[in-house]
Amino acid sequence: MKPCSSIAELSTKDFEKSKHALSINNPPGLLDALFRTDAIREIFSDRGRLQRMLDFEAALARSTARTGLIPGPAALKIESQCRGELFDIGALSRGAAAAGNPAIPMVKALTTLVESKDHDAAHFVHWGATSQDVMDTGLVLQLRSALELIDAGLANLSDALARLASQHKRTIVAGRTWMQHAVPVTFGLKAAGWLSAIERHRQRLTEMRARVLVLQFGGAAGTLASLGNRGFDVAAALAEELKLSLPDIPWHAQRDRVAEVATMLGLMVGSLGKIARDVSLAMQTEIGEIFEPSAPGRGGSSTLPHKRNPVSSAVVLAAAVKVPALVSVMLAAMVQEQERGLGN
């Protein structure tokens, strides 16, 4: 009996379930569907990034109103304009090129929108915050959405691997060391090894969330001086509004949180690459122990009709080659100057 890997089938199901979860503002690139679902692509799209920065501004308005620093009606006016569809992405991009970051032109555009509705309310836009507060907290909100999807994907993968381990605990295959025959093992043992690694990543993700899903709010240099003696009150209210944890101190130039996400994802992709390597080797014509699921248009060749290519394994392996270099960039960017990094 030849065990059939459910890895590729799982990827296909996840894609089909998630692609309609969020609306798509821009058509995908030619290779986008190979490496990300529509849901992930939307989270990290320009619109997705902009909306989460605006979510910060709306929550900031509500928080400063709750603490009595700005009028309640002004907060409502500001919140009503924190909608991504009201903004011109192209204009914001051009403004970012001149200003050095996208938050500055976004705040200016938001102020103009609010002013068109209520001149006095416009004075309270972005009250007490700085650009990096907006960008970092917006990124945290993006990461929260993405990590929820990744967690769900890992849970699905764990279930699939657990089924394989159980179903094939007595299915004998050749064990291989140095890519040569060693002694017999079971395919269930192989699947259990994959499962063990994925379960560790699920645990890492759970532990990481407490450190990563936190508010960034420090004002110009981390002191919240512009809010007087109400800075901590506003920060606590803002964290509550966004359902984020309140950190012990603003982390403008301490980038370990962001780097931890990248490193954890790098570890996860490495384990997925291990699975893909094993599957693709066992799927060789000369071995034929494992097969990715087949479907019309899947795994075929434009020239050789007899081929059944390990297409999902190929995509995972491509990611496993690409990701380590990206992780190293994130680690290098941790070294930032004083209270705010210069381009890092």
Protein backbone atom coordinates (compact mmCIF):
# COMPACT_ATOMS: atom_id res chain seq x y z
CA MET A 1 0.00 0.00 0.00
CA LYS A 2 1.29 3.47 -0.91
CA PRO A 3 0.47 6.23 1.56
CA CYS A 4 -0.84 9.39 -0.08
CA SER A 5 0.34 12.66 1.40
CA SER A 6 -2.42 15.16 2.19
CA ILE A 7 -0.07 18.15 2.28
CA ALA A 8 -0.91 19.44 -1.19
CA GLU A 9 -4.58 18.68 -0.73
CA LEU A 10 -4.58 20.65 2.49
CA SER A 11 -2.97 23.63 0.79
CA THR A 12 -5.61 23.59 -1.92
CA LYS A 13 -8.47 23.42 0.59
CA ASP A 14 -7.04 26.24 2.67
CA PHE A 15 -6.72 28.39 -0.43
CA GLU A 16 -10.29 27.75 -1.51
CA LYS A 17 -11.66 28.48 1.98
CA SER A 18 -9.70 31.66 2.48
CA LYS A 19 -9.74 33.31 -0.92
CA HIS A 20 -13.25 34.67 -0.46
CA ALA A 21 -12.73 35.73 3.18
CA LEU A 22 -11.65 39.27 2.31
CA SER A 23 -12.41 41.47 -0.67
CA ILE A 24 -9.58 42.08 -3.12
CA ASN A 25 -8.91 45.63 -4.21
CA ASN A 26 -6.24 44.82 -6.78
CA PRO A 27 -5.86 41.84 -9.11
CA PRO A 28 -3.18 39.37 -7.99
CA GLY A 29 0.20 39.16 -9.66
CA LEU A 30 0.96 36.26 -11.96
CA LEU A 31 2.75 34.26 -9.25
CA ASP A 32 0.86 35.52 -6.20
CA ALA A 33 -1.41 32.49 -5.88
CA LEU A 34 1.61 30.20 -5.64
CA PHE A 35 2.95 31.77 -2.47
CA ARG A 36 0.04 33.34 -0.60
CA THR A 37 -3.70 33.11 -0.19
CA ASP A 38 -5.99 35.99 -1.07
CA ALA A 39 -6.62 36.57 2.64
CA ILE A 40 -2.93 37.03 3.45
CA ARG A 41 -2.39 39.14 0.35
CA GLU A 42 -5.21 41.47 1.39
CA ILE A 43 -3.87 41.86 4.93
CA PHE A 44 -0.49 43.02 3.62
CA SER A 45 -1.77 44.99 0.64
CA ASP A 46 -1.46 48.77 0.54
CA ARG A 47 -5.15 49.06 1.42
CA GLY A 48 -4.75 46.60 4.26
CA ARG A 49 -1.81 48.54 5.68
CA LEU A 50 -3.58 51.89 5.28
CA GLN A 51 -6.79 50.71 6.95
CA ARG A 52 -4.98 49.42 10.00
CA MET A 53 -3.12 52.69 10.39
CA LEU A 54 -6.47 54.43 10.19
CA ASP A 55 -7.84 51.98 12.76
CA PHE A 56 -5.12 53.28 15.08
CA GLU A 57 -6.15 56.91 14.42
CA ALA A 58 -9.81 56.12 15.07
CA ALA A 59 -8.98 54.31 18.31
CA LEU A 60 -6.68 57.18 19.36
CA ALA A 61 -9.53 59.66 18.87
CA ARG A 62 -11.87 57.52 20.97
CA SER A 63 -9.21 57.10 23.68
CA THR A 64 -8.35 60.78 23.98
CA ALA A 65 -12.07 61.53 24.15
CA ARG A 66 -12.55 58.88 26.87
CA THR A 67 -9.83 60.50 28.94
CA GLY A 68 -11.31 63.98 28.44
CA LEU A 69 -8.48 65.38 26.33
CA ILE A 70 -10.57 66.06 23.23
CA PRO A 71 -14.32 66.63 22.78
CA GLY A 72 -16.44 63.57 22.16
CA PRO A 73 -18.06 65.00 19.00
CA ALA A 74 -14.60 65.66 17.54
CA ALA A 75 -13.65 62.02 18.10
CA LEU A 76 -16.76 60.90 16.24
CA LYS A 77 -15.93 63.16 13.30
CA ILE A 78 -12.39 61.81 13.15
CA GLU A 79 -13.51 58.19 13.37
CA SER A 80 -16.04 58.70 10.57
CA GLN A 81 -13.23 59.62 8.16
CA CYS A 82 -10.91 56.73 9.07
CA ARG A 83 -11.97 54.67 6.07
CA GLY A 84 -9.37 53.52 3.58
CA GLU A 85 -11.59 53.98 0.54
CA LEU A 86 -11.58 57.75 1.15
CA PHE A 87 -7.83 57.99 0.52
CA ASP A 88 -5.79 58.12 -2.68
CA ILE A 89 -3.06 55.47 -2.42
CA GLY A 90 -1.07 57.07 -5.23
CA ALA A 91 -1.07 60.46 -3.55
CA LEU A 92 -0.04 58.90 -0.24
CA SER A 93 2.80 57.08 -1.98
CA ARG A 94 4.08 60.29 -3.52
CA GLY A 95 3.74 62.02 -0.17
CA ALA A 96 5.70 59.22 1.54
CA ALA A 97 8.56 59.68 -0.92
CA ALA A 98 8.86 63.31 0.16
CA ALA A 99 8.11 62.89 3.88
CA GLY A 100 10.05 59.70 4.55
CA ASN A 101 7.12 57.54 5.70
CA PRO A 102 3.46 57.00 4.72
CA ALA A 103 2.00 58.06 8.07
CA ILE A 104 2.82 61.74 7.58
CA PRO A 105 0.83 62.20 4.33
CA MET A 106 -1.91 59.94 5.70
CA VAL A 107 -2.37 62.12 8.79
CA LYS A 108 -2.36 65.23 6.59
CA ALA A 109 -5.00 63.73 4.30
CA LEU A 110 -7.09 62.61 7.28
CA THR A 111 -6.91 66.09 8.77
CA THR A 112 -8.12 67.57 5.48
CA LEU A 113 -11.03 65.11 5.35
CA VAL A 114 -12.06 65.88 8.94
CA GLU A 115 -11.72 69.60 8.35
CA SER A 116 -14.15 69.37 5.45
CA LYS A 117 -16.73 68.06 7.92
CA ASP A 118 -15.80 69.95 11.09
CA HIS A 119 -13.11 72.62 11.19
CA ASP A 120 -12.60 72.45 14.95
CA ALA A 121 -12.41 68.62 15.05
CA ALA A 122 -9.49 68.68 12.63
CA HIS A 123 -7.27 70.15 15.35
CA PHE A 124 -7.52 66.89 17.32
CA VAL A 125 -6.40 64.45 14.61
CA HIS A 126 -3.36 62.37 15.65
CA TRP A 127 -3.44 63.95 19.11
CA GLY A 128 -0.33 63.02 21.11
CA ALA A 129 0.97 60.42 18.64
CA THR A 130 3.92 60.22 16.28
CA SER A 131 4.32 58.60 12.87
CA GLN A 132 5.96 55.43 14.14
CA ASP A 133 3.15 54.89 16.63
CA VAL A 134 0.79 54.74 13.67
CA MET A 135 2.99 52.51 11.51
CA ASP A 136 4.08 50.09 14.21
CA THR A 137 0.66 49.61 15.75
CA GLY A 138 -0.80 49.28 12.26
CA LEU A 139 1.77 46.55 11.59
CA VAL A 140 0.88 44.80 14.84
CA LEU A 141 -2.78 44.80 13.78
CA GLN A 142 -1.77 43.31 10.42
CA LEU A 143 0.32 40.67 12.17
CA ARG A 144 -2.56 39.78 14.47
CA SER A 145 -4.81 39.07 11.50
CA ALA A 146 -2.09 37.13 9.70
CA LEU A 147 -1.09 35.08 12.73
CA GLU A 148 -4.70 34.05 13.24
CA LEU A 149 -4.75 32.64 9.70
CA ILE A 150 -1.36 30.99 10.14
CA ASP A 151 -2.47 29.45 13.42
CA ALA A 152 -5.57 28.04 11.75
CA GLY A 153 -3.44 26.68 8.90
CA LEU A 154 -1.04 24.99 11.30
CA ALA A 155 -3.98 23.45 13.17
CA ASN A 156 -5.31 22.02 9.89
CA LEU A 157 -1.88 20.70 9.01
CA SER A 158 -1.48 19.11 12.44
CA ASP A 159 -4.82 17.35 12.05
CA ALA A 160 -3.83 16.04 8.63
CA LEU A 161 -0.44 14.81 9.84
CA ALA A 162 -2.00 13.18 12.90
CA ARG A 163 -4.37 11.26 10.63
CA LEU A 164 -1.47 10.12 8.46
CA ALA A 165 0.54 9.04 11.49
CA SER A 166 -2.40 7.02 12.81
CA GLN A 167 -3.46 5.50 9.49
CA HIS A 168 0.05 4.41 8.54
CA LYS A 169 1.58 3.43 11.85
CA ARG A 170 2.16 -0.05 10.40
CA THR A 171 2.89 0.92 6.80
CA ILE A 172 6.47 -0.19 6.20
CA VAL A 173 8.77 2.00 4.11
CA ALA A 174 12.52 2.12 3.77
CA GLY A 175 14.34 4.26 6.28
CA ARG A 176 17.10 6.25 4.66
CA THR A 177 20.25 7.81 6.04
CA TRP A 178 22.56 9.82 3.79
CA MET A 179 19.81 9.19 1.18
CA GLN A 180 20.63 5.48 1.17
CA HIS A 181 18.61 2.53 2.46
CA ALA A 182 19.10 1.98 6.19
CA VAL A 183 16.54 -0.12 8.09
CA PRO A 184 12.75 -0.34 7.73
CA VAL A 185 10.59 2.31 9.40
CA THR A 186 6.90 3.10 9.17
CA PHE A 187 5.41 5.95 7.22
CA GLY A 188 3.47 6.75 10.38
CA LEU A 189 6.77 7.46 12.13
CA LYS A 190 7.78 9.87 9.37
CA ALA A 191 4.43 11.69 9.63
CA ALA A 192 4.72 11.78 13.43
CA GLY A 193 8.12 13.45 13.09
CA TRP A 194 6.64 16.12 10.85
CA LEU A 195 3.73 16.54 13.26
CA SER A 196 6.02 16.97 16.24
CA ALA A 197 7.79 19.90 14.58
CA ILE A 198 4.53 21.58 13.58
CA GLU A 199 3.19 21.25 17.12
CA ARG A 200 6.30 22.99 18.45
CA HIS A 201 5.67 25.85 16.03
CA ARG A 202 2.09 26.12 17.25
CA GLN A 203 3.40 26.41 20.80
CA ARG A 204 5.94 29.04 19.73
CA LEU A 205 3.22 31.03 18.01
CA THR A 206 1.04 31.00 21.13
CA GLU A 207 3.92 32.11 23.34
CA MET A 208 5.01 34.76 20.86
CA ARG A 209 1.62 36.46 20.66
CA ALA A 210 1.87 37.76 24.22
CA ARG A 211 5.13 39.52 23.37
CA VAL A 212 4.22 40.73 19.87
CA LEU A 213 0.58 41.80 19.95
CA VAL A 214 1.22 44.95 21.95
CA LEU A 215 0.49 48.63 21.46
CA GLN A 216 3.15 51.04 20.22
CA PHE A 217 2.43 54.49 21.63
CA GLY A 218 5.20 56.78 22.80
CA GLY A 219 4.80 60.10 21.05
CA ALA A 220 7.74 61.99 19.59
CA ALA A 221 10.52 60.36 21.65
CA GLY A 222 8.78 57.79 23.82
CA THR A 223 7.81 60.10 26.68
CA LEU A 224 4.21 60.99 25.72
CA ALA A 225 5.13 64.48 26.91
CA SER A 226 2.52 66.18 24.71
CA LEU A 227 -0.22 64.50 26.74
CA GLY A 228 1.02 65.90 30.03
CA ASN A 229 0.17 63.69 32.99
CA ARG A 230 -2.50 61.77 31.02
CA GLY A 231 -0.16 59.86 28.74
CA PHE A 232 -0.46 56.56 30.58
CA ASP A 233 -4.24 56.92 30.79
CA VAL A 234 -4.51 57.44 27.03
CA ALA A 235 -2.14 54.54 26.35
CA ALA A 236 -4.20 52.20 28.52
CA ALA A 237 -7.43 53.31 26.85
CA LEU A 238 -5.87 52.96 23.40
CA ALA A 239 -4.65 49.43 24.13
CA GLU A 240 -8.14 48.53 25.33
CA GLU A 241 -9.77 50.03 22.24
CA LEU A 242 -7.49 48.03 19.92
CA LYS A 243 -7.58 44.88 22.08
CA LEU A 244 -3.80 44.88 22.34
CA SER A 245 -1.58 44.43 25.38
CA LEU A 246 0.01 47.49 26.97
CA PRO A 247 3.83 47.20 26.94
CA ASP A 248 5.98 48.14 29.89
CA ILE A 249 7.60 50.90 27.80
CA PRO A 250 7.31 52.28 24.24
CA TRP A 251 9.45 50.22 21.87
CA HIS A 252 10.14 52.60 18.97
CA ALA A 253 13.78 51.55 18.53
CA GLN A 254 13.63 48.08 20.12
CA ARG A 255 12.76 45.82 17.20
CA ASP A 256 12.96 42.40 18.84
CA ARG A 257 9.19 41.96 18.62
CA VAL A 258 9.09 42.32 14.84
CA ALA A 259 12.26 40.27 14.43
CA GLU A 260 10.78 37.50 16.58
CA VAL A 261 7.85 37.16 14.20
CA ALA A 262 10.20 36.92 11.24
CA THR A 263 12.43 34.39 13.00
CA MET A 264 9.51 32.23 14.08
CA LEU A 265 8.16 32.23 10.53
CA GLY A 266 11.62 31.32 9.27
CA LEU A 267 11.71 28.32 11.59
CA MET A 268 8.23 27.29 10.50
CA VAL A 269 9.05 27.52 6.80
CA GLY A 270 12.18 25.45 7.42
CA SER A 271 10.08 22.65 8.92
CA LEU A 272 7.61 22.88 6.04
CA GLY A 273 10.58 22.66 3.69
CA LYS A 274 11.70 19.46 5.43
CA ILE A 275 8.27 17.95 4.78
CA ALA A 276 8.31 19.08 1.16
CA ARG A 277 11.80 17.67 0.65
CA ASP A 278 10.78 14.28 2.02
CA VAL A 279 7.59 14.19 -0.03
CA SER A 280 9.28 15.20 -3.28
CA LEU A 281 12.07 12.63 -2.84
CA ALA A 282 9.59 9.84 -2.07
CA MET A 283 7.50 10.88 -5.08
CA GLN A 284 10.32 10.22 -7.55
CA THR A 285 9.42 7.72 -10.24
CA GLU A 286 12.05 5.26 -9.00
CA ILE A 287 10.60 5.29 -5.46
CA GLY A 288 6.89 6.09 -5.69
CA GLU A 289 6.14 5.79 -1.97
CA ILE A 290 4.17 9.03 -1.53
CA PHE A 291 2.10 11.13 -3.94
CA GLU A 292 0.60 14.57 -3.75
CA PRO A 293 -3.10 14.52 -4.70
CA SER A 294 -3.84 14.77 -8.39
CA ALA A 295 -6.48 16.93 -10.05
CA PRO A 296 -7.12 18.33 -13.52
CA GLY A 297 -4.43 20.87 -14.34
CA ARG A 298 -2.37 19.93 -11.29
CA GLY A 299 1.15 18.56 -11.48
CA GLY A 300 1.15 17.93 -15.21
CA SER A 301 3.76 18.77 -17.81
CA SER A 302 3.39 20.88 -20.95
CA THR A 303 5.55 18.33 -22.81
CA LEU A 304 5.50 14.99 -20.97
CA PRO A 305 1.99 13.67 -20.33
CA HIS A 306 3.17 10.84 -18.09
CA LYS A 307 4.57 13.15 -15.40
CA ARG A 308 3.01 13.82 -12.00
CA ASN A 309 5.03 16.68 -10.58
CA PRO A 310 5.19 17.55 -6.83
CA VAL A 311 3.96 21.09 -7.39
CA SER A 312 3.11 21.99 -3.78
CA SER A 313 6.45 20.66 -2.61
CA ALA A 314 8.17 22.81 -5.24
CA VAL A 315 6.45 25.96 -3.96
CA VAL A 316 7.28 25.18 -0.33
CA LEU A 317 10.91 24.47 -1.23
CA ALA A 318 11.13 27.75 -3.14
CA ALA A 319 9.89 29.56 -0.04
CA ALA A 320 12.34 27.65 2.15
CA VAL A 321 15.19 28.94 -0.03
CA LYS A 322 13.92 32.53 -0.04
CA VAL A 323 12.89 33.04 3.57
CA PRO A 324 16.23 32.67 5.43
CA ALA A 325 17.65 35.69 3.60
CA LEU A 326 14.57 37.72 4.52
CA VAL A 327 14.92 36.73 8.17
CA SER A 328 18.54 37.90 8.16
CA VAL A 329 17.41 41.34 6.92
CA MET A 330 15.00 41.62 9.83
CA LEU A 331 17.71 40.64 12.32
CA ALA A 332 20.14 43.15 10.84
CA ALA A 333 17.49 45.90 11.08
CA MET A 334 17.33 45.50 14.86
CA VAL A 335 20.39 47.74 15.31
CA GLN A 336 18.73 51.16 15.46
CA GLU A 337 19.95 54.53 16.56
CA GLN A 338 18.92 56.03 19.90
CA GLU A 339 15.18 56.83 20.18
CA ARG A 340 14.36 56.35 16.48
CA GLY A 341 16.25 54.41 13.82
CA LEU A 342 17.46 56.06 10.62
CA GLY A 343 16.00 53.91 7.87
CA ASN A 344 16.39 50.60 9.66
